[in-house]
């Protein structure tokens, strides 16, 4: 604790050391009495200000007359200190420029190094007969008026500084408002742009489009759910996630999931078959057997879903598919033959539920 106290005192001394330097200001007040007999002493009120923290011991002298004096102002001066300058009235009636100089020294201690400071001021003095004292007073008042003018000028300069700071703050505020406006405008444009894209996408819904439709279904899902629901669901989620990723990697879109079934939409029949082959290859390693049926047909896209005979045919082809196999319609086969490294087995025309014309179906296998 004692060591901490010493450190705190030492730290405070270091923090105060820059404050030990000072400067002084000398101010001559109004000369109230002039026209005194030659050789008499004229009393001139004055004050000196210590702008530092170190006590000062100060003296003054003045020059401009034939005889100089050296007089003590005071000791332990801190802040403003009033004193009187004694001026010996000259005998010759002529103008004089009197310079008064104050010399101060710091009282040396731990914080104060004993530095010496000087300040000076001057005024014009004209010794005239007593009857003309009013003119001399007028001259002195003019000097004081000049001092007042200087003070006014200082105040004017301070006002200019304040105005400058105000202008800078206004500019900063204007820049900040401009940035906020630009940011808000950017947000608005982005909102309108995406809204337009969304409307454009919605405009495409309800329109006919040639698409390759894929349906998948897991073998024995209902039976496995009855035996071990938790294990079956984990298995379903695992294979479902992998399938969705593969569909997206082949530029497809997952339209919806119905239980263990997934419905996918592709712009390309080639991509649809490639996606199905990769899905079966990965799930075979997990001992998961699913059926996949693909058909190419003219379908209706509306509200994110797909409708039409092409969807029904794809679903029916998946329903007759063997677990772990991929069945495709003849329309798909005519688009992918010679473009995919695979074996295609013609299964002939297969009757499908609620489909009037049985389509020719092909089984896709590894080459």
Protein backbone atom coordinates (compact mmCIF):
# COMPACT_ATOMS: atom_id res chain seq x y z
CA UNK A 1 0.00 0.00 0.00
CA UNK A 2 2.86 2.38 0.85
CA UNK A 3 4.56 1.59 -2.47
CA UNK A 4 1.31 2.33 -4.31
CA UNK A 5 1.00 5.68 -2.54
CA UNK A 6 4.56 6.65 -3.53
CA UNK A 7 3.86 5.61 -7.09
CA UNK A 8 0.66 7.70 -7.10
CA UNK A 9 2.55 10.78 -5.82
CA UNK A 10 5.29 10.26 -8.40
CA UNK A 11 2.66 9.86 -11.12
CA UNK A 12 0.91 13.05 -10.04
CA UNK A 13 4.23 14.92 -10.09
CA UNK A 14 4.89 13.69 -13.63
CA UNK A 15 1.40 14.71 -14.68
CA UNK A 16 1.82 18.20 -13.18
CA UNK A 17 5.31 18.84 -14.50
CA UNK A 18 4.10 20.16 -17.89
CA UNK A 19 2.01 22.66 -15.93
CA UNK A 20 5.08 24.08 -14.17
CA UNK A 21 5.98 26.27 -17.14
CA UNK A 22 4.33 29.70 -17.08
CA UNK A 23 4.12 33.09 -18.67
CA UNK A 24 3.22 36.54 -17.33
CA UNK A 25 1.12 39.43 -18.57
CA UNK A 26 1.76 43.08 -17.70
CA UNK A 27 -1.09 45.59 -17.94
CA UNK A 28 -0.85 49.34 -17.41
CA UNK A 29 -4.03 50.94 -16.13
CA UNK A 30 -5.28 54.49 -16.74
CA UNK A 31 -2.94 57.32 -15.68
CA UNK A 32 -5.15 59.40 -13.43
CA UNK A 33 -2.74 62.21 -12.61
CA UNK A 34 -0.40 64.14 -14.86
CA UNK A 35 1.11 67.62 -14.87
CA UNK A 36 2.90 67.12 -11.59
CA UNK A 37 5.84 69.35 -10.78
CA UNK A 38 9.12 68.31 -12.36
CA UNK A 39 11.01 65.85 -10.22
CA UNK A 40 7.92 64.60 -8.39
CA UNK A 41 6.79 60.93 -8.53
CA UNK A 42 3.80 59.98 -10.68
CA UNK A 43 1.81 56.96 -9.47
CA UNK A 44 0.67 54.67 -12.35
CA UNK A 45 -1.66 51.76 -11.43
CA UNK A 46 -0.69 48.45 -13.05
CA UNK A 47 -1.24 44.74 -12.63
CA UNK A 48 0.69 41.61 -13.51
CA UNK A 49 -0.84 38.18 -14.06
CA UNK A 50 0.95 34.88 -13.41
CA UNK A 51 -0.54 32.40 -15.86
CA UNK A 52 1.34 29.43 -14.43
CA UNK A 53 1.30 27.44 -11.18
CA UNK A 54 4.70 28.40 -9.77
CA UNK A 55 4.85 31.38 -7.36
CA UNK A 56 6.87 34.26 -8.79
CA UNK A 57 9.03 37.02 -7.36
CA UNK A 58 8.82 40.06 -9.65
CA UNK A 59 10.55 43.41 -10.23
CA UNK A 60 9.91 46.20 -12.67
CA UNK A 61 11.94 48.93 -14.32
CA UNK A 62 11.22 51.42 -17.02
CA UNK A 63 13.31 53.07 -19.67
CA UNK A 64 12.92 56.11 -21.89
CA UNK A 65 13.85 58.69 -19.29
CA UNK A 66 17.26 59.88 -18.24
CA UNK A 67 17.13 58.03 -14.94
CA UNK A 68 16.00 54.40 -14.54
CA UNK A 69 14.76 52.83 -11.38
CA UNK A 70 14.48 49.20 -10.37
CA UNK A 71 11.67 48.36 -7.96
CA UNK A 72 10.24 45.19 -6.51
CA UNK A 73 6.65 44.25 -7.43
CA UNK A 74 6.13 41.44 -4.92
CA UNK A 75 6.83 37.84 -3.90
CA UNK A 76 4.72 34.68 -4.02
CA UNK A 77 2.70 36.08 -6.92
CA UNK A 78 0.06 33.76 -8.24
CA UNK A 79 -2.73 34.83 -10.55
CA UNK A 80 -3.34 38.58 -10.82
CA UNK A 81 -1.35 41.00 -8.64
CA UNK A 82 -2.00 44.78 -8.53
CA UNK A 83 0.85 47.18 -7.90
CA UNK A 84 1.88 50.82 -8.52
CA UNK A 85 4.59 52.05 -10.86
CA UNK A 86 6.40 55.14 -9.63
CA UNK A 87 7.41 57.43 -12.49
CA UNK A 88 9.66 60.42 -11.85
CA UNK A 89 8.29 63.40 -13.77
CA UNK A 90 10.94 64.74 -16.20
CA UNK A 91 11.88 68.42 -16.29
CA UNK A 92 11.90 68.90 -20.06
CA UNK A 93 8.48 69.52 -21.70
CA UNK A 94 8.88 67.02 -24.53
CA UNK A 95 7.27 63.68 -25.50
CA UNK A 96 8.71 60.47 -24.09
CA UNK A 97 8.03 56.85 -24.91
CA UNK A 98 8.16 54.95 -21.67
CA UNK A 99 8.70 51.19 -21.70
CA UNK A 100 7.87 49.34 -18.51
CA UNK A 101 9.39 45.88 -18.16
CA UNK A 102 8.51 43.24 -15.53
CA UNK A 103 11.04 40.54 -14.69
CA UNK A 104 9.87 37.50 -12.68
CA UNK A 105 11.59 34.38 -11.40
CA UNK A 106 10.02 31.18 -10.19
CA UNK A 107 10.57 30.24 -6.61
CA UNK A 108 12.55 27.05 -7.09
CA UNK A 109 11.16 23.82 -5.59
CA UNK A 110 10.21 20.28 -6.68
CA UNK A 111 7.87 21.38 -9.46
CA UNK A 112 9.40 24.74 -10.35
CA UNK A 113 12.82 25.02 -11.97
CA UNK A 114 13.47 28.68 -11.20
CA UNK A 115 12.75 29.91 -14.72
CA UNK A 116 12.82 33.63 -15.49
CA UNK A 117 10.03 35.38 -17.39
CA UNK A 118 9.72 38.86 -18.82
CA UNK A 119 6.81 41.02 -19.94
CA UNK A 120 6.77 44.60 -21.16
CA UNK A 121 4.34 47.39 -22.02
CA UNK A 122 4.77 50.98 -23.08
CA UNK A 123 2.98 54.30 -23.33
CA UNK A 124 3.69 57.83 -24.56
CA UNK A 125 4.17 60.51 -21.95
CA UNK A 126 4.23 64.30 -22.49
CA UNK A 127 5.14 66.58 -19.58
CA UNK A 128 3.12 69.80 -19.79
CA UNK A 129 2.12 72.60 -17.38
CA UNK A 130 -0.74 71.90 -15.03
CA UNK A 131 -3.17 74.00 -17.09
CA UNK A 132 -2.71 71.66 -19.99
CA UNK A 133 -3.28 68.55 -17.92
CA UNK A 134 -6.63 67.95 -19.57
CA UNK A 135 -4.85 67.45 -22.93
CA UNK A 136 -2.46 64.97 -21.35
CA UNK A 137 -5.39 63.13 -19.84
CA UNK A 138 -6.96 63.01 -23.27
CA UNK A 139 -3.74 61.50 -24.67
CA UNK A 140 -3.77 58.88 -21.94
CA UNK A 141 -7.44 58.12 -22.55
CA UNK A 142 -6.61 57.60 -26.22
CA UNK A 143 -4.07 55.01 -25.18
CA UNK A 144 -6.70 53.29 -23.04
CA UNK A 145 -9.14 53.47 -25.96
CA UNK A 146 -6.55 51.65 -28.10
CA UNK A 147 -6.26 49.00 -25.41
CA UNK A 148 -10.05 48.64 -25.37
CA UNK A 149 -10.00 48.37 -29.17
CA UNK A 150 -7.44 45.59 -28.91
CA UNK A 151 -9.65 43.77 -26.43
CA UNK A 152 -12.60 44.19 -28.80
CA UNK A 153 -10.49 42.82 -31.64
CA UNK A 154 -9.59 39.82 -29.49
CA UNK A 155 -13.28 39.27 -28.82
CA UNK A 156 -13.97 39.57 -32.55
CA UNK A 157 -11.31 36.96 -33.27
CA UNK A 158 -12.86 34.63 -30.68
CA UNK A 159 -16.23 35.14 -32.35
CA UNK A 160 -14.68 34.20 -35.69
CA UNK A 161 -13.27 31.02 -34.16
CA UNK A 162 -16.71 30.16 -32.83
CA UNK A 163 -18.26 30.79 -36.24
CA UNK A 164 -15.63 28.60 -37.88
CA UNK A 165 -16.35 25.74 -35.47
CA UNK A 166 -20.05 26.17 -36.15
CA UNK A 167 -19.49 25.98 -39.91
CA UNK A 168 -17.38 22.81 -39.49
CA UNK A 169 -20.13 21.19 -37.41
CA UNK A 170 -22.74 22.11 -40.02
CA UNK A 171 -20.58 20.59 -42.77
CA UNK A 172 -20.11 17.37 -40.77
CA UNK A 173 -23.85 17.17 -40.15
CA UNK A 174 -24.53 17.74 -43.86
CA UNK A 175 -22.10 14.97 -44.81
CA UNK A 176 -23.71 12.59 -42.32
CA UNK A 177 -27.19 13.39 -43.66
CA UNK A 178 -25.95 12.88 -47.23
CA UNK A 179 -24.52 9.46 -46.33
CA UNK A 180 -27.79 8.49 -44.64
CA UNK A 181 -29.74 9.67 -47.68
CA UNK A 182 -27.53 7.67 -50.06
CA UNK A 183 -27.81 4.58 -47.86
CA UNK A 184 -31.59 4.94 -47.67
CA UNK A 185 -31.80 5.49 -51.43
CA UNK A 186 -29.69 2.37 -52.02
CA UNK A 187 -31.99 0.35 -49.77
CA UNK A 188 -35.04 1.68 -51.62
CA UNK A 189 -33.58 0.85 -55.06
CA UNK A 190 -32.59 -2.60 -53.86
CA UNK A 191 -36.07 -3.20 -52.47
CA UNK A 192 -37.74 -2.07 -55.69
CA UNK A 193 -35.33 -4.11 -57.81
CA UNK A 194 -35.90 -7.33 -55.91
CA UNK A 195 -39.59 -6.63 -55.81
CA UNK A 196 -39.60 -6.31 -59.59
CA UNK A 197 -37.65 -9.56 -59.89
CA UNK A 198 -40.12 -11.23 -57.58
CA UNK A 199 -43.03 -9.98 -59.64
CA UNK A 200 -41.30 -11.15 -62.81
CA UNK A 201 -40.87 -14.58 -61.26
CA UNK A 202 -44.49 -14.58 -60.18
CA UNK A 203 -45.42 -13.57 -63.72
CA UNK A 204 -43.82 -16.74 -65.01
CA UNK A 205 -45.96 -18.84 -62.69
CA UNK A 206 -49.09 -20.17 -64.30
CA UNK A 207 -47.26 -20.55 -67.60
CA UNK A 208 -46.56 -23.75 -69.45
CA UNK A 209 -43.02 -24.98 -69.63
CA UNK A 210 -41.21 -28.10 -70.84
CA UNK A 211 -39.61 -29.65 -67.76
CA UNK A 212 -37.96 -32.87 -66.68
CA UNK A 213 -39.87 -34.01 -63.58
CA UNK A 214 -38.27 -36.33 -61.03
CA UNK A 215 -40.03 -38.28 -58.29
CA UNK A 216 -38.24 -40.27 -55.57
CA UNK A 217 -39.60 -42.61 -52.91
CA UNK A 218 -37.90 -44.71 -50.22
CA UNK A 219 -38.55 -48.44 -50.14
CA UNK A 220 -40.51 -49.74 -47.15
CA UNK A 221 -40.80 -46.33 -45.50
CA UNK A 222 -44.18 -46.94 -43.87
CA UNK A 223 -43.14 -50.37 -42.56
CA UNK A 224 -39.91 -49.04 -41.10
CA UNK A 225 -41.78 -46.14 -39.48
CA UNK A 226 -44.01 -48.65 -37.71
CA UNK A 227 -41.03 -50.66 -36.46
CA UNK A 228 -38.70 -47.84 -35.35
CA UNK A 229 -39.96 -44.35 -36.00
CA UNK A 230 -36.95 -42.42 -34.62
CA UNK A 231 -34.37 -44.48 -36.52
CA UNK A 232 -36.39 -44.25 -39.74
CA UNK A 233 -36.74 -40.49 -39.47
CA UNK A 234 -32.99 -40.04 -38.95
CA UNK A 235 -32.41 -42.20 -42.01
CA UNK A 236 -34.94 -40.17 -44.01
CA UNK A 237 -33.46 -36.80 -43.05
CA UNK A 238 -29.96 -38.01 -43.89
CA UNK A 239 -30.83 -39.20 -47.38
CA UNK A 240 -33.21 -36.28 -48.02
CA UNK A 241 -30.49 -33.71 -47.32
CA UNK A 242 -28.03 -35.46 -49.63
CA UNK A 243 -30.62 -35.70 -52.41
CA UNK A 244 -31.58 -32.03 -52.23
CA UNK A 245 -27.94 -30.99 -52.48
CA UNK A 246 -27.37 -33.20 -55.53
CA UNK A 247 -30.49 -31.85 -57.26
CA UNK A 248 -29.30 -28.25 -56.74
CA UNK A 249 -25.80 -29.13 -57.95
CA UNK A 250 -27.33 -30.27 -61.25
CA UNK A 251 -29.28 -27.01 -61.74
CA UNK A 252 -32.48 -28.57 -60.49
CA UNK A 253 -35.10 -27.28 -58.08
CA UNK A 254 -36.72 -29.12 -55.21
CA UNK A 255 -40.42 -28.43 -55.74
CA UNK A 256 -41.69 -30.11 -52.57
CA UNK A 257 -41.36 -33.10 -50.27
CA UNK A 258 -44.27 -35.38 -49.37
CA UNK A 259 -43.33 -37.69 -46.52
CA UNK A 260 -40.40 -39.69 -47.85
CA UNK A 261 -41.00 -38.55 -51.46
CA UNK A 262 -39.22 -35.68 -53.19
CA UNK A 263 -40.35 -33.90 -56.34
CA UNK A 264 -37.67 -32.20 -58.45
CA UNK A 265 -37.81 -29.97 -61.52
CA UNK A 266 -35.09 -29.67 -64.18
CA UNK A 267 -34.78 -27.58 -67.33
CA UNK A 268 -32.56 -30.31 -68.80
CA UNK A 269 -33.40 -34.02 -69.09
CA UNK A 270 -29.66 -34.79 -69.16
CA UNK A 271 -29.15 -33.03 -65.80
CA UNK A 272 -32.15 -34.82 -64.33
CA UNK A 273 -30.80 -38.30 -65.24
CA UNK A 274 -27.25 -37.43 -64.12
CA UNK A 275 -28.64 -36.22 -60.80
CA UNK A 276 -30.64 -39.46 -60.34
CA UNK A 277 -27.57 -41.62 -61.08
CA UNK A 278 -25.45 -39.74 -58.54
CA UNK A 279 -28.19 -40.03 -55.92
CA UNK A 280 -28.44 -43.81 -56.36
CA UNK A 281 -24.65 -44.14 -56.26
CA UNK A 282 -24.36 -42.31 -52.92
CA UNK A 283 -27.38 -43.95 -51.24
CA UNK A 284 -26.20 -47.43 -52.25
CA UNK A 285 -23.22 -46.94 -49.94
CA UNK A 286 -25.64 -46.18 -47.08
CA UNK A 287 -27.75 -49.25 -47.87
CA UNK A 288 -30.70 -47.01 -48.64
CA UNK A 289 -32.85 -48.10 -51.55
CA UNK A 290 -35.11 -45.59 -53.25
CA UNK A 291 -37.15 -45.55 -56.45
CA UNK A 292 -36.67 -42.73 -58.98
CA UNK A 293 -38.95 -41.96 -61.92
CA UNK A 294 -38.31 -39.22 -64.51
CA UNK A 295 -40.54 -37.91 -67.30
CA UNK A 296 -40.19 -35.00 -69.73
CA UNK A 297 -43.42 -33.15 -70.36
CA UNK A 298 -45.25 -29.87 -70.83
CA UNK A 299 -46.32 -28.80 -67.34
CA UNK A 300 -47.81 -25.73 -65.64
CA UNK A 301 -45.78 -23.76 -63.09
CA UNK A 302 -47.90 -21.89 -60.58
CA UNK A 303 -47.30 -20.62 -57.03
CA UNK A 304 -44.05 -22.60 -56.76
CA UNK A 305 -45.74 -25.90 -57.61
CA UNK A 306 -46.04 -27.91 -60.87
CA UNK A 307 -49.21 -29.33 -62.39
CA UNK A 308 -50.19 -31.34 -65.46
CA UNK A 309 -50.12 -34.78 -67.03
CA UNK A 310 -46.31 -34.74 -67.10
CA UNK A 311 -46.27 -34.65 -63.29
CA UNK A 312 -48.73 -37.55 -63.05
CA UNK A 313 -46.75 -39.67 -65.54
CA UNK A 314 -43.46 -39.06 -63.63
CA UNK A 315 -45.17 -40.07 -60.38
CA UNK A 316 -46.63 -43.25 -61.92
CA UNK A 317 -43.29 -44.27 -63.45
CA UNK A 318 -41.68 -43.92 -59.99
CA UNK A 319 -44.42 -46.14 -58.50
CA UNK A 320 -43.61 -49.09 -60.84
CA UNK A 321 -39.85 -48.67 -60.38
CA UNK A 322 -37.84 -51.31 -58.51
CA UNK A 323 -36.03 -50.17 -55.33
CA UNK A 324 -32.56 -48.88 -56.06
CA UNK A 325 -33.40 -48.35 -59.77
CA UNK A 326 -34.07 -45.40 -62.09
CA UNK A 327 -36.93 -45.56 -64.62
CA UNK A 328 -37.36 -42.95 -67.34
CA UNK A 329 -39.97 -42.35 -70.02
CA UNK A 330 -39.30 -42.63 -73.75
CA UNK A 331 -39.39 -38.83 -74.01
CA UNK A 332 -36.49 -38.60 -71.56
CA UNK A 333 -34.60 -41.43 -73.27
CA UNK A 334 -34.78 -39.67 -76.67
CA UNK A 335 -33.10 -36.60 -75.08
CA UNK A 336 -30.30 -38.35 -73.17
CA UNK A 337 -29.23 -41.25 -75.41
CA UNK A 338 -25.66 -40.79 -76.59
CA UNK A 339 -25.14 -37.99 -74.05
CA UNK A 340 -24.81 -40.02 -70.84
CA UNK A 341 -22.49 -42.94 -70.11
CA UNK A 342 -25.14 -45.41 -69.00
CA UNK A 343 -26.97 -48.58 -70.04
CA UNK A 344 -30.60 -48.17 -71.03
CA UNK A 345 -32.85 -51.24 -70.90
CA UNK A 346 -36.10 -51.06 -72.83
CA UNK A 347 -38.89 -52.32 -70.55
CA UNK A 348 -41.58 -51.81 -73.19
CA UNK A 349 -44.86 -50.04 -72.82
CA UNK A 350 -45.92 -50.17 -69.19
CA UNK A 351 -49.51 -49.52 -68.16
CA UNK A 352 -49.78 -46.76 -65.59
CA UNK A 353 -52.70 -46.02 -63.30
CA UNK A 354 -55.06 -43.34 -64.67
CA UNK A 355 -52.87 -42.88 -67.78
CA UNK A 356 -54.73 -43.70 -71.01
CA UNK A 357 -51.70 -44.36 -73.27
CA UNK A 358 -49.06 -46.57 -71.61
CA UNK A 359 -45.65 -44.96 -72.22
CA UNK A 360 -42.51 -46.86 -73.16
CA UNK A 361 -40.26 -47.09 -70.09
CA UNK A 362 -36.45 -47.55 -69.86
CA UNK A 363 -34.34 -48.64 -66.91
CA UNK A 364 -31.08 -46.72 -66.42
CA UNK A 365 -28.03 -48.63 -65.23
CA UNK A 366 -24.31 -48.16 -64.95
CA UNK A 367 -22.31 -48.80 -68.11
